[in-house]
Amino acid sequence: MVTGKKELVEYVTMLETITERVRAGVEKGQSVDALMAAGVTKDFDARWGHFDFVPPKNFVASVVASLR
């Protein structure tokens, strides 16, 4: 949950970091499953990966779609 400036900075950092990781994987031809296996969200899952409405795999899939 984003409740203040500190959390907003953390959230933006997560979005930027995962997007860059996904972009690099997409450029190598990796699928969503391969990106997940590579752990593109792993270091953010404890903080941001527990929301049932957007689980990590769905989030990565949406990032992949946005980059195409």
N, C-alpha and C. Protein backbone atom coordinates (compact mmCIF):
# COMPACT_ATOMS: atom_id res chain seq x y z
N MET A 1 0.84 -1.17 0.00
CA MET A 1 0.00 0.00 0.00
C MET A 1 0.89 1.25 0.00
N VAL A 2 0.49 2.21 -0.78
CA VAL A 2 1.21 3.48 -0.85
C VAL A 2 0.46 4.49 0.00
N THR A 3 1.10 4.94 1.07
CA THR A 3 0.43 5.87 1.99
C THR A 3 1.17 7.19 2.16
N GLY A 4 2.36 7.30 1.60
CA GLY A 4 3.13 8.52 1.75
C GLY A 4 4.24 8.57 0.72
N LYS A 5 5.08 9.59 0.83
CA LYS A 5 6.16 9.79 -0.13
C LYS A 5 7.14 8.62 -0.15
N LYS A 6 7.52 8.12 1.02
CA LYS A 6 8.46 7.00 1.08
C LYS A 6 7.93 5.78 0.32
N GLU A 7 6.66 5.46 0.55
CA GLU A 7 6.06 4.31 -0.12
C GLU A 7 5.91 4.55 -1.62
N LEU A 8 5.62 5.80 -1.98
CA LEU A 8 5.52 6.14 -3.40
C LEU A 8 6.86 5.95 -4.10
N VAL A 9 7.93 6.39 -3.47
CA VAL A 9 9.28 6.21 -4.03
C VAL A 9 9.59 4.72 -4.17
N GLU A 10 9.26 3.93 -3.16
CA GLU A 10 9.48 2.47 -3.23
C GLU A 10 8.69 1.85 -4.37
N TYR A 11 7.45 2.28 -4.52
CA TYR A 11 6.58 1.75 -5.57
C TYR A 11 7.12 2.09 -6.96
N VAL A 12 7.51 3.33 -7.15
CA VAL A 12 8.05 3.75 -8.45
C VAL A 12 9.34 3.00 -8.75
N THR A 13 10.18 2.82 -7.75
CA THR A 13 11.42 2.06 -7.93
C THR A 13 11.12 0.63 -8.36
N MET A 14 10.12 0.01 -7.73
CA MET A 14 9.71 -1.34 -8.10
C MET A 14 9.25 -1.38 -9.55
N LEU A 15 8.39 -0.44 -9.93
CA LEU A 15 7.88 -0.41 -11.30
C LEU A 15 9.00 -0.24 -12.32
N GLU A 16 9.89 0.70 -12.06
CA GLU A 16 11.00 0.95 -12.99
C GLU A 16 11.94 -0.24 -13.08
N THR A 17 12.26 -0.84 -11.95
CA THR A 17 13.20 -1.97 -11.94
C THR A 17 12.62 -3.17 -12.67
N ILE A 18 11.39 -3.52 -12.35
CA ILE A 18 10.78 -4.67 -13.02
C ILE A 18 10.60 -4.41 -14.50
N THR A 19 10.20 -3.22 -14.86
CA THR A 19 10.04 -2.90 -16.28
C THR A 19 11.36 -3.06 -17.03
N GLU A 20 12.44 -2.60 -16.46
CA GLU A 20 13.75 -2.75 -17.11
C GLU A 20 14.15 -4.22 -17.23
N ARG A 21 13.89 -5.00 -16.19
CA ARG A 21 14.20 -6.43 -16.23
C ARG A 21 13.37 -7.13 -17.30
N VAL A 22 12.10 -6.80 -17.35
CA VAL A 22 11.22 -7.41 -18.35
C VAL A 22 11.64 -6.98 -19.75
N ARG A 23 11.94 -5.71 -19.93
CA ARG A 23 12.39 -5.22 -21.24
C ARG A 23 13.62 -6.01 -21.71
N ALA A 24 14.58 -6.20 -20.83
CA ALA A 24 15.79 -6.95 -21.19
C ALA A 24 15.44 -8.38 -21.58
N GLY A 25 14.53 -8.99 -20.84
CA GLY A 25 14.12 -10.36 -21.16
C GLY A 25 13.36 -10.45 -22.47
N VAL A 26 12.48 -9.51 -22.72
CA VAL A 26 11.72 -9.49 -23.97
C VAL A 26 12.67 -9.33 -25.15
N GLU A 27 13.67 -8.48 -25.00
CA GLU A 27 14.65 -8.30 -26.08
C GLU A 27 15.41 -9.59 -26.38
N LYS A 28 15.51 -10.47 -25.39
CA LYS A 28 16.15 -11.77 -25.58
C LYS A 28 15.16 -12.84 -26.02
N GLY A 29 13.90 -12.45 -26.17
CA GLY A 29 12.88 -13.39 -26.62
C GLY A 29 12.26 -14.24 -25.51
N GLN A 30 12.44 -13.86 -24.26
CA GLN A 30 11.90 -14.64 -23.15
C GLN A 30 10.39 -14.49 -23.03
N SER A 31 9.74 -15.59 -22.67
CA SER A 31 8.31 -15.59 -22.42
C SER A 31 8.03 -15.13 -21.00
N VAL A 32 6.76 -14.92 -20.69
CA VAL A 32 6.38 -14.55 -19.33
C VAL A 32 6.83 -15.64 -18.35
N ASP A 33 6.63 -16.90 -18.71
CA ASP A 33 7.06 -17.99 -17.83
C ASP A 33 8.57 -17.98 -17.61
N ALA A 34 9.32 -17.71 -18.66
CA ALA A 34 10.79 -17.64 -18.53
C ALA A 34 11.20 -16.46 -17.65
N LEU A 35 10.52 -15.34 -17.81
CA LEU A 35 10.82 -14.17 -16.98
C LEU A 35 10.53 -14.46 -15.52
N MET A 36 9.41 -15.14 -15.25
CA MET A 36 9.08 -15.50 -13.87
C MET A 36 10.12 -16.47 -13.31
N ALA A 37 10.52 -17.44 -14.12
CA ALA A 37 11.54 -18.41 -13.68
C ALA A 37 12.87 -17.71 -13.41
N ALA A 38 13.14 -16.64 -14.14
CA ALA A 38 14.37 -15.87 -13.94
C ALA A 38 14.30 -14.99 -12.70
N GLY A 39 13.10 -14.85 -12.14
CA GLY A 39 12.95 -14.11 -10.89
C GLY A 39 12.89 -12.60 -11.05
N VAL A 40 12.27 -12.12 -12.12
CA VAL A 40 12.27 -10.68 -12.35
C VAL A 40 11.53 -9.89 -11.26
N THR A 41 10.66 -10.55 -10.51
CA THR A 41 9.94 -9.86 -9.43
C THR A 41 10.37 -10.32 -8.04
N LYS A 42 11.24 -11.28 -7.98
CA LYS A 42 11.54 -11.98 -6.72
C LYS A 42 11.86 -11.06 -5.55
N ASP A 43 12.72 -10.08 -5.74
CA ASP A 43 13.11 -9.23 -4.62
C ASP A 43 12.05 -8.20 -4.24
N PHE A 44 10.96 -8.14 -5.00
CA PHE A 44 9.85 -7.24 -4.68
C PHE A 44 8.61 -7.99 -4.22
N ASP A 45 8.59 -9.31 -4.37
CA ASP A 45 7.39 -10.08 -4.07
C ASP A 45 6.95 -9.99 -2.61
N ALA A 46 7.88 -9.96 -1.68
CA ALA A 46 7.49 -9.89 -0.27
C ALA A 46 6.72 -8.61 0.02
N ARG A 47 7.09 -7.53 -0.61
CA ARG A 47 6.45 -6.23 -0.35
C ARG A 47 5.25 -5.99 -1.26
N TRP A 48 5.36 -6.37 -2.54
CA TRP A 48 4.35 -5.99 -3.52
C TRP A 48 3.65 -7.16 -4.19
N GLY A 49 4.08 -8.38 -3.98
CA GLY A 49 3.57 -9.51 -4.74
C GLY A 49 2.43 -10.28 -4.11
N HIS A 50 1.81 -9.76 -3.08
CA HIS A 50 0.78 -10.52 -2.39
C HIS A 50 -0.64 -10.03 -2.68
N PHE A 51 -0.82 -9.20 -3.67
CA PHE A 51 -2.15 -8.70 -4.00
C PHE A 51 -2.83 -9.67 -4.96
N ASP A 52 -3.90 -10.30 -4.51
CA ASP A 52 -4.58 -11.32 -5.30
C ASP A 52 -5.09 -10.81 -6.64
N PHE A 53 -5.47 -9.55 -6.71
CA PHE A 53 -6.05 -9.04 -7.95
C PHE A 53 -5.00 -8.82 -9.04
N VAL A 54 -3.73 -8.74 -8.67
CA VAL A 54 -2.65 -8.66 -9.66
C VAL A 54 -1.46 -9.45 -9.12
N PRO A 55 -1.50 -10.78 -9.25
CA PRO A 55 -0.34 -11.57 -8.81
C PRO A 55 0.86 -11.28 -9.71
N PRO A 56 2.07 -11.59 -9.22
CA PRO A 56 3.28 -11.26 -9.98
C PRO A 56 3.27 -11.69 -11.44
N LYS A 57 2.78 -12.90 -11.74
CA LYS A 57 2.79 -13.36 -13.14
C LYS A 57 1.89 -12.48 -14.00
N ASN A 58 0.74 -12.10 -13.50
CA ASN A 58 -0.15 -11.22 -14.27
C ASN A 58 0.48 -9.84 -14.46
N PHE A 59 1.15 -9.36 -13.43
CA PHE A 59 1.82 -8.06 -13.53
C PHE A 59 2.90 -8.11 -14.61
N VAL A 60 3.72 -9.16 -14.61
CA VAL A 60 4.77 -9.31 -15.63
C VAL A 60 4.14 -9.40 -17.01
N ALA A 61 3.06 -10.15 -17.14
CA ALA A 61 2.38 -10.27 -18.44
C ALA A 61 1.90 -8.90 -18.93
N SER A 62 1.40 -8.08 -18.02
CA SER A 62 0.93 -6.75 -18.43
C SER A 62 2.10 -5.85 -18.83
N VAL A 63 3.23 -6.00 -18.18
CA VAL A 63 4.42 -5.23 -18.56
C VAL A 63 4.89 -5.68 -19.95
N VAL A 64 4.92 -6.99 -20.18
CA VAL A 64 5.31 -7.51 -21.50
C VAL A 64 4.39 -6.92 -22.56
N ALA A 65 3.08 -6.97 -22.32
CA ALA A 65 2.12 -6.45 -23.30
C ALA A 65 2.33 -4.97 -23.57
N SER A 66 2.66 -4.22 -22.52
CA SER A 66 2.85 -2.77 -22.70
C SER A 66 4.11 -2.43 -23.49
N LEU A 67 5.06 -3.36 -23.50
CA LEU A 67 6.32 -3.11 -24.21
C LEU A 67 6.26 -3.51 -25.68
N ARG A 68 5.21 -4.18 -26.07
CA ARG A 68 5.09 -4.63 -27.46
C ARG A 68 4.39 -3.63 -28.32
